[in-house]
Amino acid sequence: TVPRYADSVKGRFTVSPDGAKNSVY
C-alpha cells in the first residue's frame, strides 16, 4: 500500500514486495 516514487523514475520503476519470498523487488 501507499506506493511512492521519485519524479525522475515515475512510470519507469516499480517496487513490488513479495511476502511469499520475503523479498522486495
PDBML (XML) file of the C-alpha atoms, coordinates in Angstrom:
<?xml version="1.0" encoding="UTF-8" ?>
<PDBx:datablock datablockName="MODEL"
   xmlns:PDBx="http://pdbml.pdb.org/schema/pdbx-v50.xsd"
   xmlns:xsi="http://www.w3.org/2001/XMLSchema-instance"
   xsi:schemaLocation="http://pdbml.pdb.org/schema/pdbx-v50.xsd pdbx-v50.xsd">
   <PDBx:atom_siteCategory>
      <PDBx:atom_site id="1">
         <PDBx:B_iso_or_equiv>0.00</PDBx:B_iso_or_equiv>
         <PDBx:Cartn_x>0.000</PDBx:Cartn_x>
         <PDBx:Cartn_y>0.000</PDBx:Cartn_y>
         <PDBx:Cartn_z>0.000</PDBx:Cartn_z>
         <PDBx:auth_asym_id>A</PDBx:auth_asym_id>
         <PDBx:auth_atom_id>CA</PDBx:auth_atom_id>
         <PDBx:auth_comp_id>THR</PDBx:auth_comp_id>
         <PDBx:auth_seq_id>1</PDBx:auth_seq_id>
         <PDBx:group_PDB>ATOM</PDBx:group_PDB>
         <PDBx:label_alt_id xsi:nil="true" />
         <PDBx:label_asym_id>A</PDBx:label_asym_id>
         <PDBx:label_atom_id>CA</PDBx:label_atom_id>
         <PDBx:label_comp_id>THR</PDBx:label_comp_id>
         <PDBx:label_entity_id>1</PDBx:label_entity_id>
         <PDBx:label_seq_id>1</PDBx:label_seq_id>
         <PDBx:occupancy>1.00</PDBx:occupancy>
         <PDBx:pdbx_PDB_model_num>1</PDBx:pdbx_PDB_model_num>
         <PDBx:type_symbol>C</PDBx:type_symbol>
      </PDBx:atom_site>
      <PDBx:atom_site id="2">
         <PDBx:B_iso_or_equiv>0.00</PDBx:B_iso_or_equiv>
         <PDBx:Cartn_x>0.823</PDBx:Cartn_x>
         <PDBx:Cartn_y>3.735</PDBx:Cartn_y>
         <PDBx:Cartn_z>-0.306</PDBx:Cartn_z>
         <PDBx:auth_asym_id>A</PDBx:auth_asym_id>
         <PDBx:auth_atom_id>CA</PDBx:auth_atom_id>
         <PDBx:auth_comp_id>VAL</PDBx:auth_comp_id>
         <PDBx:auth_seq_id>2</PDBx:auth_seq_id>
         <PDBx:group_PDB>ATOM</PDBx:group_PDB>
         <PDBx:label_alt_id xsi:nil="true" />
         <PDBx:label_asym_id>A</PDBx:label_asym_id>
         <PDBx:label_atom_id>CA</PDBx:label_atom_id>
         <PDBx:label_comp_id>VAL</PDBx:label_comp_id>
         <PDBx:label_entity_id>1</PDBx:label_entity_id>
         <PDBx:label_seq_id>2</PDBx:label_seq_id>
         <PDBx:occupancy>1.00</PDBx:occupancy>
         <PDBx:pdbx_PDB_model_num>1</PDBx:pdbx_PDB_model_num>
         <PDBx:type_symbol>C</PDBx:type_symbol>
      </PDBx:atom_site>
      <PDBx:atom_site id="3">
         <PDBx:B_iso_or_equiv>0.00</PDBx:B_iso_or_equiv>
         <PDBx:Cartn_x>3.432</PDBx:Cartn_x>
         <PDBx:Cartn_y>3.374</PDBx:Cartn_y>
         <PDBx:Cartn_z>-3.095</PDBx:Cartn_z>
         <PDBx:auth_asym_id>A</PDBx:auth_asym_id>
         <PDBx:auth_atom_id>CA</PDBx:auth_atom_id>
         <PDBx:auth_comp_id>PRO</PDBx:auth_comp_id>
         <PDBx:auth_seq_id>3</PDBx:auth_seq_id>
         <PDBx:group_PDB>ATOM</PDBx:group_PDB>
         <PDBx:label_alt_id xsi:nil="true" />
         <PDBx:label_asym_id>A</PDBx:label_asym_id>
         <PDBx:label_atom_id>CA</PDBx:label_atom_id>
         <PDBx:label_comp_id>PRO</PDBx:label_comp_id>
         <PDBx:label_entity_id>1</PDBx:label_entity_id>
         <PDBx:label_seq_id>3</PDBx:label_seq_id>
         <PDBx:occupancy>1.00</PDBx:occupancy>
         <PDBx:pdbx_PDB_model_num>1</PDBx:pdbx_PDB_model_num>
         <PDBx:type_symbol>C</PDBx:type_symbol>
      </PDBx:atom_site>
      <PDBx:atom_site id="4">
         <PDBx:B_iso_or_equiv>0.00</PDBx:B_iso_or_equiv>
         <PDBx:Cartn_x>5.553</PDBx:Cartn_x>
         <PDBx:Cartn_y>6.442</PDBx:Cartn_y>
         <PDBx:Cartn_z>-3.760</PDBx:Cartn_z>
         <PDBx:auth_asym_id>A</PDBx:auth_asym_id>
         <PDBx:auth_atom_id>CA</PDBx:auth_atom_id>
         <PDBx:auth_comp_id>ARG</PDBx:auth_comp_id>
         <PDBx:auth_seq_id>4</PDBx:auth_seq_id>
         <PDBx:group_PDB>ATOM</PDBx:group_PDB>
         <PDBx:label_alt_id xsi:nil="true" />
         <PDBx:label_asym_id>A</PDBx:label_asym_id>
         <PDBx:label_atom_id>CA</PDBx:label_atom_id>
         <PDBx:label_comp_id>ARG</PDBx:label_comp_id>
         <PDBx:label_entity_id>1</PDBx:label_entity_id>
         <PDBx:label_seq_id>4</PDBx:label_seq_id>
         <PDBx:occupancy>1.00</PDBx:occupancy>
         <PDBx:pdbx_PDB_model_num>1</PDBx:pdbx_PDB_model_num>
         <PDBx:type_symbol>C</PDBx:type_symbol>
      </PDBx:atom_site>
      <PDBx:atom_site id="5">
         <PDBx:B_iso_or_equiv>0.00</PDBx:B_iso_or_equiv>
         <PDBx:Cartn_x>8.186</PDBx:Cartn_x>
         <PDBx:Cartn_y>7.241</PDBx:Cartn_y>
         <PDBx:Cartn_z>-6.405</PDBx:Cartn_z>
         <PDBx:auth_asym_id>A</PDBx:auth_asym_id>
         <PDBx:auth_atom_id>CA</PDBx:auth_atom_id>
         <PDBx:auth_comp_id>TYR</PDBx:auth_comp_id>
         <PDBx:auth_seq_id>5</PDBx:auth_seq_id>
         <PDBx:group_PDB>ATOM</PDBx:group_PDB>
         <PDBx:label_alt_id xsi:nil="true" />
         <PDBx:label_asym_id>A</PDBx:label_asym_id>
         <PDBx:label_atom_id>CA</PDBx:label_atom_id>
         <PDBx:label_comp_id>TYR</PDBx:label_comp_id>
         <PDBx:label_entity_id>1</PDBx:label_entity_id>
         <PDBx:label_seq_id>5</PDBx:label_seq_id>
         <PDBx:occupancy>1.00</PDBx:occupancy>
         <PDBx:pdbx_PDB_model_num>1</PDBx:pdbx_PDB_model_num>
         <PDBx:type_symbol>C</PDBx:type_symbol>
      </PDBx:atom_site>
      <PDBx:atom_site id="6">
         <PDBx:B_iso_or_equiv>0.00</PDBx:B_iso_or_equiv>
         <PDBx:Cartn_x>10.628</PDBx:Cartn_x>
         <PDBx:Cartn_y>9.994</PDBx:Cartn_y>
         <PDBx:Cartn_z>-7.197</PDBx:Cartn_z>
         <PDBx:auth_asym_id>A</PDBx:auth_asym_id>
         <PDBx:auth_atom_id>CA</PDBx:auth_atom_id>
         <PDBx:auth_comp_id>ALA</PDBx:auth_comp_id>
         <PDBx:auth_seq_id>6</PDBx:auth_seq_id>
         <PDBx:group_PDB>ATOM</PDBx:group_PDB>
         <PDBx:label_alt_id xsi:nil="true" />
         <PDBx:label_asym_id>A</PDBx:label_asym_id>
         <PDBx:label_atom_id>CA</PDBx:label_atom_id>
         <PDBx:label_comp_id>ALA</PDBx:label_comp_id>
         <PDBx:label_entity_id>1</PDBx:label_entity_id>
         <PDBx:label_seq_id>6</PDBx:label_seq_id>
         <PDBx:occupancy>1.00</PDBx:occupancy>
         <PDBx:pdbx_PDB_model_num>1</PDBx:pdbx_PDB_model_num>
         <PDBx:type_symbol>C</PDBx:type_symbol>
      </PDBx:atom_site>
      <PDBx:atom_site id="7">
         <PDBx:B_iso_or_equiv>0.00</PDBx:B_iso_or_equiv>
         <PDBx:Cartn_x>9.536</PDBx:Cartn_x>
         <PDBx:Cartn_y>12.109</PDBx:Cartn_y>
         <PDBx:Cartn_z>-10.167</PDBx:Cartn_z>
         <PDBx:auth_asym_id>A</PDBx:auth_asym_id>
         <PDBx:auth_atom_id>CA</PDBx:auth_atom_id>
         <PDBx:auth_comp_id>ASP</PDBx:auth_comp_id>
         <PDBx:auth_seq_id>7</PDBx:auth_seq_id>
         <PDBx:group_PDB>ATOM</PDBx:group_PDB>
         <PDBx:label_alt_id xsi:nil="true" />
         <PDBx:label_asym_id>A</PDBx:label_asym_id>
         <PDBx:label_atom_id>CA</PDBx:label_atom_id>
         <PDBx:label_comp_id>ASP</PDBx:label_comp_id>
         <PDBx:label_entity_id>1</PDBx:label_entity_id>
         <PDBx:label_seq_id>7</PDBx:label_seq_id>
         <PDBx:occupancy>1.00</PDBx:occupancy>
         <PDBx:pdbx_PDB_model_num>1</PDBx:pdbx_PDB_model_num>
         <PDBx:type_symbol>C</PDBx:type_symbol>
      </PDBx:atom_site>
      <PDBx:atom_site id="8">
         <PDBx:B_iso_or_equiv>0.00</PDBx:B_iso_or_equiv>
         <PDBx:Cartn_x>12.679</PDBx:Cartn_x>
         <PDBx:Cartn_y>11.094</PDBx:Cartn_y>
         <PDBx:Cartn_z>-12.050</PDBx:Cartn_z>
         <PDBx:auth_asym_id>A</PDBx:auth_asym_id>
         <PDBx:auth_atom_id>CA</PDBx:auth_atom_id>
         <PDBx:auth_comp_id>SER</PDBx:auth_comp_id>
         <PDBx:auth_seq_id>8</PDBx:auth_seq_id>
         <PDBx:group_PDB>ATOM</PDBx:group_PDB>
         <PDBx:label_alt_id xsi:nil="true" />
         <PDBx:label_asym_id>A</PDBx:label_asym_id>
         <PDBx:label_atom_id>CA</PDBx:label_atom_id>
         <PDBx:label_comp_id>SER</PDBx:label_comp_id>
         <PDBx:label_entity_id>1</PDBx:label_entity_id>
         <PDBx:label_seq_id>8</PDBx:label_seq_id>
         <PDBx:occupancy>1.00</PDBx:occupancy>
         <PDBx:pdbx_PDB_model_num>1</PDBx:pdbx_PDB_model_num>
         <PDBx:type_symbol>C</PDBx:type_symbol>
      </PDBx:atom_site>
      <PDBx:atom_site id="9">
         <PDBx:B_iso_or_equiv>0.00</PDBx:B_iso_or_equiv>
         <PDBx:Cartn_x>11.661</PDBx:Cartn_x>
         <PDBx:Cartn_y>7.402</PDBx:Cartn_y>
         <PDBx:Cartn_z>-12.103</PDBx:Cartn_z>
         <PDBx:auth_asym_id>A</PDBx:auth_asym_id>
         <PDBx:auth_atom_id>CA</PDBx:auth_atom_id>
         <PDBx:auth_comp_id>VAL</PDBx:auth_comp_id>
         <PDBx:auth_seq_id>9</PDBx:auth_seq_id>
         <PDBx:group_PDB>ATOM</PDBx:group_PDB>
         <PDBx:label_alt_id xsi:nil="true" />
         <PDBx:label_asym_id>A</PDBx:label_asym_id>
         <PDBx:label_atom_id>CA</PDBx:label_atom_id>
         <PDBx:label_comp_id>VAL</PDBx:label_comp_id>
         <PDBx:label_entity_id>1</PDBx:label_entity_id>
         <PDBx:label_seq_id>9</PDBx:label_seq_id>
         <PDBx:occupancy>1.00</PDBx:occupancy>
         <PDBx:pdbx_PDB_model_num>1</PDBx:pdbx_PDB_model_num>
         <PDBx:type_symbol>C</PDBx:type_symbol>
      </PDBx:atom_site>
      <PDBx:atom_site id="10">
         <PDBx:B_iso_or_equiv>0.00</PDBx:B_iso_or_equiv>
         <PDBx:Cartn_x>7.859</PDBx:Cartn_x>
         <PDBx:Cartn_y>7.575</PDBx:Cartn_y>
         <PDBx:Cartn_z>-12.038</PDBx:Cartn_z>
         <PDBx:auth_asym_id>A</PDBx:auth_asym_id>
         <PDBx:auth_atom_id>CA</PDBx:auth_atom_id>
         <PDBx:auth_comp_id>LYS</PDBx:auth_comp_id>
         <PDBx:auth_seq_id>10</PDBx:auth_seq_id>
         <PDBx:group_PDB>ATOM</PDBx:group_PDB>
         <PDBx:label_alt_id xsi:nil="true" />
         <PDBx:label_asym_id>A</PDBx:label_asym_id>
         <PDBx:label_atom_id>CA</PDBx:label_atom_id>
         <PDBx:label_comp_id>LYS</PDBx:label_comp_id>
         <PDBx:label_entity_id>1</PDBx:label_entity_id>
         <PDBx:label_seq_id>10</PDBx:label_seq_id>
         <PDBx:occupancy>1.00</PDBx:occupancy>
         <PDBx:pdbx_PDB_model_num>1</PDBx:pdbx_PDB_model_num>
         <PDBx:type_symbol>C</PDBx:type_symbol>
      </PDBx:atom_site>
      <PDBx:atom_site id="11">
         <PDBx:B_iso_or_equiv>0.00</PDBx:B_iso_or_equiv>
         <PDBx:Cartn_x>6.363</PDBx:Cartn_x>
         <PDBx:Cartn_y>5.425</PDBx:Cartn_y>
         <PDBx:Cartn_z>-14.786</PDBx:Cartn_z>
         <PDBx:auth_asym_id>A</PDBx:auth_asym_id>
         <PDBx:auth_atom_id>CA</PDBx:auth_atom_id>
         <PDBx:auth_comp_id>GLY</PDBx:auth_comp_id>
         <PDBx:auth_seq_id>11</PDBx:auth_seq_id>
         <PDBx:group_PDB>ATOM</PDBx:group_PDB>
         <PDBx:label_alt_id xsi:nil="true" />
         <PDBx:label_asym_id>A</PDBx:label_asym_id>
         <PDBx:label_atom_id>CA</PDBx:label_atom_id>
         <PDBx:label_comp_id>GLY</PDBx:label_comp_id>
         <PDBx:label_entity_id>1</PDBx:label_entity_id>
         <PDBx:label_seq_id>11</PDBx:label_seq_id>
         <PDBx:occupancy>1.00</PDBx:occupancy>
         <PDBx:pdbx_PDB_model_num>1</PDBx:pdbx_PDB_model_num>
         <PDBx:type_symbol>C</PDBx:type_symbol>
      </PDBx:atom_site>
      <PDBx:atom_site id="12">
         <PDBx:B_iso_or_equiv>0.00</PDBx:B_iso_or_equiv>
         <PDBx:Cartn_x>9.637</PDBx:Cartn_x>
         <PDBx:Cartn_y>3.555</PDBx:Cartn_y>
         <PDBx:Cartn_z>-15.343</PDBx:Cartn_z>
         <PDBx:auth_asym_id>A</PDBx:auth_asym_id>
         <PDBx:auth_atom_id>CA</PDBx:auth_atom_id>
         <PDBx:auth_comp_id>ARG</PDBx:auth_comp_id>
         <PDBx:auth_seq_id>12</PDBx:auth_seq_id>
         <PDBx:group_PDB>ATOM</PDBx:group_PDB>
         <PDBx:label_alt_id xsi:nil="true" />
         <PDBx:label_asym_id>A</PDBx:label_asym_id>
         <PDBx:label_atom_id>CA</PDBx:label_atom_id>
         <PDBx:label_comp_id>ARG</PDBx:label_comp_id>
         <PDBx:label_entity_id>1</PDBx:label_entity_id>
         <PDBx:label_seq_id>12</PDBx:label_seq_id>
         <PDBx:occupancy>1.00</PDBx:occupancy>
         <PDBx:pdbx_PDB_model_num>1</PDBx:pdbx_PDB_model_num>
         <PDBx:type_symbol>C</PDBx:type_symbol>
      </PDBx:atom_site>
      <PDBx:atom_site id="13">
         <PDBx:B_iso_or_equiv>0.00</PDBx:B_iso_or_equiv>
         <PDBx:Cartn_x>10.368</PDBx:Cartn_x>
         <PDBx:Cartn_y>1.894</PDBx:Cartn_y>
         <PDBx:Cartn_z>-11.976</PDBx:Cartn_z>
         <PDBx:auth_asym_id>A</PDBx:auth_asym_id>
         <PDBx:auth_atom_id>CA</PDBx:auth_atom_id>
         <PDBx:auth_comp_id>PHE</PDBx:auth_comp_id>
         <PDBx:auth_seq_id>13</PDBx:auth_seq_id>
         <PDBx:group_PDB>ATOM</PDBx:group_PDB>
         <PDBx:label_alt_id xsi:nil="true" />
         <PDBx:label_asym_id>A</PDBx:label_asym_id>
         <PDBx:label_atom_id>CA</PDBx:label_atom_id>
         <PDBx:label_comp_id>PHE</PDBx:label_comp_id>
         <PDBx:label_entity_id>1</PDBx:label_entity_id>
         <PDBx:label_seq_id>13</PDBx:label_seq_id>
         <PDBx:occupancy>1.00</PDBx:occupancy>
         <PDBx:pdbx_PDB_model_num>1</PDBx:pdbx_PDB_model_num>
         <PDBx:type_symbol>C</PDBx:type_symbol>
      </PDBx:atom_site>
      <PDBx:atom_site id="14">
         <PDBx:B_iso_or_equiv>0.00</PDBx:B_iso_or_equiv>
         <PDBx:Cartn_x>8.103</PDBx:Cartn_x>
         <PDBx:Cartn_y>-0.324</PDBx:Cartn_y>
         <PDBx:Cartn_z>-9.858</PDBx:Cartn_z>
         <PDBx:auth_asym_id>A</PDBx:auth_asym_id>
         <PDBx:auth_atom_id>CA</PDBx:auth_atom_id>
         <PDBx:auth_comp_id>THR</PDBx:auth_comp_id>
         <PDBx:auth_seq_id>14</PDBx:auth_seq_id>
         <PDBx:group_PDB>ATOM</PDBx:group_PDB>
         <PDBx:label_alt_id xsi:nil="true" />
         <PDBx:label_asym_id>A</PDBx:label_asym_id>
         <PDBx:label_atom_id>CA</PDBx:label_atom_id>
         <PDBx:label_comp_id>THR</PDBx:label_comp_id>
         <PDBx:label_entity_id>1</PDBx:label_entity_id>
         <PDBx:label_seq_id>14</PDBx:label_seq_id>
         <PDBx:occupancy>1.00</PDBx:occupancy>
         <PDBx:pdbx_PDB_model_num>1</PDBx:pdbx_PDB_model_num>
         <PDBx:type_symbol>C</PDBx:type_symbol>
      </PDBx:atom_site>
      <PDBx:atom_site id="15">
         <PDBx:B_iso_or_equiv>0.00</PDBx:B_iso_or_equiv>
         <PDBx:Cartn_x>8.538</PDBx:Cartn_x>
         <PDBx:Cartn_y>-1.506</PDBx:Cartn_y>
         <PDBx:Cartn_z>-6.264</PDBx:Cartn_z>
         <PDBx:auth_asym_id>A</PDBx:auth_asym_id>
         <PDBx:auth_atom_id>CA</PDBx:auth_atom_id>
         <PDBx:auth_comp_id>VAL</PDBx:auth_comp_id>
         <PDBx:auth_seq_id>15</PDBx:auth_seq_id>
         <PDBx:group_PDB>ATOM</PDBx:group_PDB>
         <PDBx:label_alt_id xsi:nil="true" />
         <PDBx:label_asym_id>A</PDBx:label_asym_id>
         <PDBx:label_atom_id>CA</PDBx:label_atom_id>
         <PDBx:label_comp_id>VAL</PDBx:label_comp_id>
         <PDBx:label_entity_id>1</PDBx:label_entity_id>
         <PDBx:label_seq_id>15</PDBx:label_seq_id>
         <PDBx:occupancy>1.00</PDBx:occupancy>
         <PDBx:pdbx_PDB_model_num>1</PDBx:pdbx_PDB_model_num>
         <PDBx:type_symbol>C</PDBx:type_symbol>
      </PDBx:atom_site>
      <PDBx:atom_site id="16">
         <PDBx:B_iso_or_equiv>0.00</PDBx:B_iso_or_equiv>
         <PDBx:Cartn_x>6.968</PDBx:Cartn_x>
         <PDBx:Cartn_y>-4.937</PDBx:Cartn_y>
         <PDBx:Cartn_z>-5.678</PDBx:Cartn_z>
         <PDBx:auth_asym_id>A</PDBx:auth_asym_id>
         <PDBx:auth_atom_id>CA</PDBx:auth_atom_id>
         <PDBx:auth_comp_id>SER</PDBx:auth_comp_id>
         <PDBx:auth_seq_id>16</PDBx:auth_seq_id>
         <PDBx:group_PDB>ATOM</PDBx:group_PDB>
         <PDBx:label_alt_id xsi:nil="true" />
         <PDBx:label_asym_id>A</PDBx:label_asym_id>
         <PDBx:label_atom_id>CA</PDBx:label_atom_id>
         <PDBx:label_comp_id>SER</PDBx:label_comp_id>
         <PDBx:label_entity_id>1</PDBx:label_entity_id>
         <PDBx:label_seq_id>16</PDBx:label_seq_id>
         <PDBx:occupancy>1.00</PDBx:occupancy>
         <PDBx:pdbx_PDB_model_num>1</PDBx:pdbx_PDB_model_num>
         <PDBx:type_symbol>C</PDBx:type_symbol>
      </PDBx:atom_site>
      <PDBx:atom_site id="17">
         <PDBx:B_iso_or_equiv>0.00</PDBx:B_iso_or_equiv>
         <PDBx:Cartn_x>7.004</PDBx:Cartn_x>
         <PDBx:Cartn_y>-6.662</PDBx:Cartn_y>
         <PDBx:Cartn_z>-2.277</PDBx:Cartn_z>
         <PDBx:auth_asym_id>A</PDBx:auth_asym_id>
         <PDBx:auth_atom_id>CA</PDBx:auth_atom_id>
         <PDBx:auth_comp_id>PRO</PDBx:auth_comp_id>
         <PDBx:auth_seq_id>17</PDBx:auth_seq_id>
         <PDBx:group_PDB>ATOM</PDBx:group_PDB>
         <PDBx:label_alt_id xsi:nil="true" />
         <PDBx:label_asym_id>A</PDBx:label_asym_id>
         <PDBx:label_atom_id>CA</PDBx:label_atom_id>
         <PDBx:label_comp_id>PRO</PDBx:label_comp_id>
         <PDBx:label_entity_id>1</PDBx:label_entity_id>
         <PDBx:label_seq_id>17</PDBx:label_seq_id>
         <PDBx:occupancy>1.00</PDBx:occupancy>
         <PDBx:pdbx_PDB_model_num>1</PDBx:pdbx_PDB_model_num>
         <PDBx:type_symbol>C</PDBx:type_symbol>
      </PDBx:atom_site>
      <PDBx:atom_site id="18">
         <PDBx:B_iso_or_equiv>0.00</PDBx:B_iso_or_equiv>
         <PDBx:Cartn_x>6.570</PDBx:Cartn_x>
         <PDBx:Cartn_y>-10.443</PDBx:Cartn_y>
         <PDBx:Cartn_z>-2.309</PDBx:Cartn_z>
         <PDBx:auth_asym_id>A</PDBx:auth_asym_id>
         <PDBx:auth_atom_id>CA</PDBx:auth_atom_id>
         <PDBx:auth_comp_id>ASP</PDBx:auth_comp_id>
         <PDBx:auth_seq_id>18</PDBx:auth_seq_id>
         <PDBx:group_PDB>ATOM</PDBx:group_PDB>
         <PDBx:label_alt_id xsi:nil="true" />
         <PDBx:label_asym_id>A</PDBx:label_asym_id>
         <PDBx:label_atom_id>CA</PDBx:label_atom_id>
         <PDBx:label_comp_id>ASP</PDBx:label_comp_id>
         <PDBx:label_entity_id>1</PDBx:label_entity_id>
         <PDBx:label_seq_id>18</PDBx:label_seq_id>
         <PDBx:occupancy>1.00</PDBx:occupancy>
         <PDBx:pdbx_PDB_model_num>1</PDBx:pdbx_PDB_model_num>
         <PDBx:type_symbol>C</PDBx:type_symbol>
      </PDBx:atom_site>
      <PDBx:atom_site id="19">
         <PDBx:B_iso_or_equiv>0.00</PDBx:B_iso_or_equiv>
         <PDBx:Cartn_x>5.607</PDBx:Cartn_x>
         <PDBx:Cartn_y>-11.828</PDBx:Cartn_y>
         <PDBx:Cartn_z>1.077</PDBx:Cartn_z>
         <PDBx:auth_asym_id>A</PDBx:auth_asym_id>
         <PDBx:auth_atom_id>CA</PDBx:auth_atom_id>
         <PDBx:auth_comp_id>GLY</PDBx:auth_comp_id>
         <PDBx:auth_seq_id>19</PDBx:auth_seq_id>
         <PDBx:group_PDB>ATOM</PDBx:group_PDB>
         <PDBx:label_alt_id xsi:nil="true" />
         <PDBx:label_asym_id>A</PDBx:label_asym_id>
         <PDBx:label_atom_id>CA</PDBx:label_atom_id>
         <PDBx:label_comp_id>GLY</PDBx:label_comp_id>
         <PDBx:label_entity_id>1</PDBx:label_entity_id>
         <PDBx:label_seq_id>19</PDBx:label_seq_id>
         <PDBx:occupancy>1.00</PDBx:occupancy>
         <PDBx:pdbx_PDB_model_num>1</PDBx:pdbx_PDB_model_num>
         <PDBx:type_symbol>C</PDBx:type_symbol>
      </PDBx:atom_site>
      <PDBx:atom_site id="20">
         <PDBx:B_iso_or_equiv>0.00</PDBx:B_iso_or_equiv>
         <PDBx:Cartn_x>5.899</PDBx:Cartn_x>
         <PDBx:Cartn_y>-15.452</PDBx:Cartn_y>
         <PDBx:Cartn_z>-0.046</PDBx:Cartn_z>
         <PDBx:auth_asym_id>A</PDBx:auth_asym_id>
         <PDBx:auth_atom_id>CA</PDBx:auth_atom_id>
         <PDBx:auth_comp_id>ALA</PDBx:auth_comp_id>
         <PDBx:auth_seq_id>20</PDBx:auth_seq_id>
         <PDBx:group_PDB>ATOM</PDBx:group_PDB>
         <PDBx:label_alt_id xsi:nil="true" />
         <PDBx:label_asym_id>A</PDBx:label_asym_id>
         <PDBx:label_atom_id>CA</PDBx:label_atom_id>
         <PDBx:label_comp_id>ALA</PDBx:label_comp_id>
         <PDBx:label_entity_id>1</PDBx:label_entity_id>
         <PDBx:label_seq_id>20</PDBx:label_seq_id>
         <PDBx:occupancy>1.00</PDBx:occupancy>
         <PDBx:pdbx_PDB_model_num>1</PDBx:pdbx_PDB_model_num>
         <PDBx:type_symbol>C</PDBx:type_symbol>
      </PDBx:atom_site>
      <PDBx:atom_site id="21">
         <PDBx:B_iso_or_equiv>0.00</PDBx:B_iso_or_equiv>
         <PDBx:Cartn_x>9.593</PDBx:Cartn_x>
         <PDBx:Cartn_y>-14.925</PDBx:Cartn_y>
         <PDBx:Cartn_z>-0.857</PDBx:Cartn_z>
         <PDBx:auth_asym_id>A</PDBx:auth_asym_id>
         <PDBx:auth_atom_id>CA</PDBx:auth_atom_id>
         <PDBx:auth_comp_id>LYS</PDBx:auth_comp_id>
         <PDBx:auth_seq_id>21</PDBx:auth_seq_id>
         <PDBx:group_PDB>ATOM</PDBx:group_PDB>
         <PDBx:label_alt_id xsi:nil="true" />
         <PDBx:label_asym_id>A</PDBx:label_asym_id>
         <PDBx:label_atom_id>CA</PDBx:label_atom_id>
         <PDBx:label_comp_id>LYS</PDBx:label_comp_id>
         <PDBx:label_entity_id>1</PDBx:label_entity_id>
         <PDBx:label_seq_id>21</PDBx:label_seq_id>
         <PDBx:occupancy>1.00</PDBx:occupancy>
         <PDBx:pdbx_PDB_model_num>1</PDBx:pdbx_PDB_model_num>
         <PDBx:type_symbol>C</PDBx:type_symbol>
      </PDBx:atom_site>
      <PDBx:atom_site id="22">
         <PDBx:B_iso_or_equiv>0.00</PDBx:B_iso_or_equiv>
         <PDBx:Cartn_x>10.365</PDBx:Cartn_x>
         <PDBx:Cartn_y>-12.392</PDBx:Cartn_y>
         <PDBx:Cartn_z>1.882</PDBx:Cartn_z>
         <PDBx:auth_asym_id>A</PDBx:auth_asym_id>
         <PDBx:auth_atom_id>CA</PDBx:auth_atom_id>
         <PDBx:auth_comp_id>ASN</PDBx:auth_comp_id>
         <PDBx:auth_seq_id>22</PDBx:auth_seq_id>
         <PDBx:group_PDB>ATOM</PDBx:group_PDB>
         <PDBx:label_alt_id xsi:nil="true" />
         <PDBx:label_asym_id>A</PDBx:label_asym_id>
         <PDBx:label_atom_id>CA</PDBx:label_atom_id>
         <PDBx:label_comp_id>ASN</PDBx:label_comp_id>
         <PDBx:label_entity_id>1</PDBx:label_entity_id>
         <PDBx:label_seq_id>22</PDBx:label_seq_id>
         <PDBx:occupancy>1.00</PDBx:occupancy>
         <PDBx:pdbx_PDB_model_num>1</PDBx:pdbx_PDB_model_num>
         <PDBx:type_symbol>C</PDBx:type_symbol>
      </PDBx:atom_site>
      <PDBx:atom_site id="23">
         <PDBx:B_iso_or_equiv>0.00</PDBx:B_iso_or_equiv>
         <PDBx:Cartn_x>11.725</PDBx:Cartn_x>
         <PDBx:Cartn_y>-10.076</PDBx:Cartn_y>
         <PDBx:Cartn_z>-0.794</PDBx:Cartn_z>
         <PDBx:auth_asym_id>A</PDBx:auth_asym_id>
         <PDBx:auth_atom_id>CA</PDBx:auth_atom_id>
         <PDBx:auth_comp_id>SER</PDBx:auth_comp_id>
         <PDBx:auth_seq_id>23</PDBx:auth_seq_id>
         <PDBx:group_PDB>ATOM</PDBx:group_PDB>
         <PDBx:label_alt_id xsi:nil="true" />
         <PDBx:label_asym_id>A</PDBx:label_asym_id>
         <PDBx:label_atom_id>CA</PDBx:label_atom_id>
         <PDBx:label_comp_id>SER</PDBx:label_comp_id>
         <PDBx:label_entity_id>1</PDBx:label_entity_id>
         <PDBx:label_seq_id>23</PDBx:label_seq_id>
         <PDBx:occupancy>1.00</PDBx:occupancy>
         <PDBx:pdbx_PDB_model_num>1</PDBx:pdbx_PDB_model_num>
         <PDBx:type_symbol>C</PDBx:type_symbol>
      </PDBx:atom_site>
      <PDBx:atom_site id="24">
         <PDBx:B_iso_or_equiv>0.00</PDBx:B_iso_or_equiv>
         <PDBx:Cartn_x>11.057</PDBx:Cartn_x>
         <PDBx:Cartn_y>-6.714</PDBx:Cartn_y>
         <PDBx:Cartn_z>-2.352</PDBx:Cartn_z>
         <PDBx:auth_asym_id>A</PDBx:auth_asym_id>
         <PDBx:auth_atom_id>CA</PDBx:auth_atom_id>
         <PDBx:auth_comp_id>VAL</PDBx:auth_comp_id>
         <PDBx:auth_seq_id>24</PDBx:auth_seq_id>
         <PDBx:group_PDB>ATOM</PDBx:group_PDB>
         <PDBx:label_alt_id xsi:nil="true" />
         <PDBx:label_asym_id>A</PDBx:label_asym_id>
         <PDBx:label_atom_id>CA</PDBx:label_atom_id>
         <PDBx:label_comp_id>VAL</PDBx:label_comp_id>
         <PDBx:label_entity_id>1</PDBx:label_entity_id>
         <PDBx:label_seq_id>24</PDBx:label_seq_id>
         <PDBx:occupancy>1.00</PDBx:occupancy>
         <PDBx:pdbx_PDB_model_num>1</PDBx:pdbx_PDB_model_num>
         <PDBx:type_symbol>C</PDBx:type_symbol>
      </PDBx:atom_site>
      <PDBx:atom_site id="25">
         <PDBx:B_iso_or_equiv>0.00</PDBx:B_iso_or_equiv>
         <PDBx:Cartn_x>11.935</PDBx:Cartn_x>
         <PDBx:Cartn_y>-6.058</PDBx:Cartn_y>
         <PDBx:Cartn_z>-5.991</PDBx:Cartn_z>
         <PDBx:auth_asym_id>A</PDBx:auth_asym_id>
         <PDBx:auth_atom_id>CA</PDBx:auth_atom_id>
         <PDBx:auth_comp_id>TYR</PDBx:auth_comp_id>
         <PDBx:auth_seq_id>25</PDBx:auth_seq_id>
         <PDBx:group_PDB>ATOM</PDBx:group_PDB>
         <PDBx:label_alt_id xsi:nil="true" />
         <PDBx:label_asym_id>A</PDBx:label_asym_id>
         <PDBx:label_atom_id>CA</PDBx:label_atom_id>
         <PDBx:label_comp_id>TYR</PDBx:label_comp_id>
         <PDBx:label_entity_id>1</PDBx:label_entity_id>
         <PDBx:label_seq_id>25</PDBx:label_seq_id>
         <PDBx:occupancy>1.00</PDBx:occupancy>
         <PDBx:pdbx_PDB_model_num>1</PDBx:pdbx_PDB_model_num>
         <PDBx:type_symbol>C</PDBx:type_symbol>
      </PDBx:atom_site>
   </PDBx:atom_siteCategory>
</PDBx:datablock>
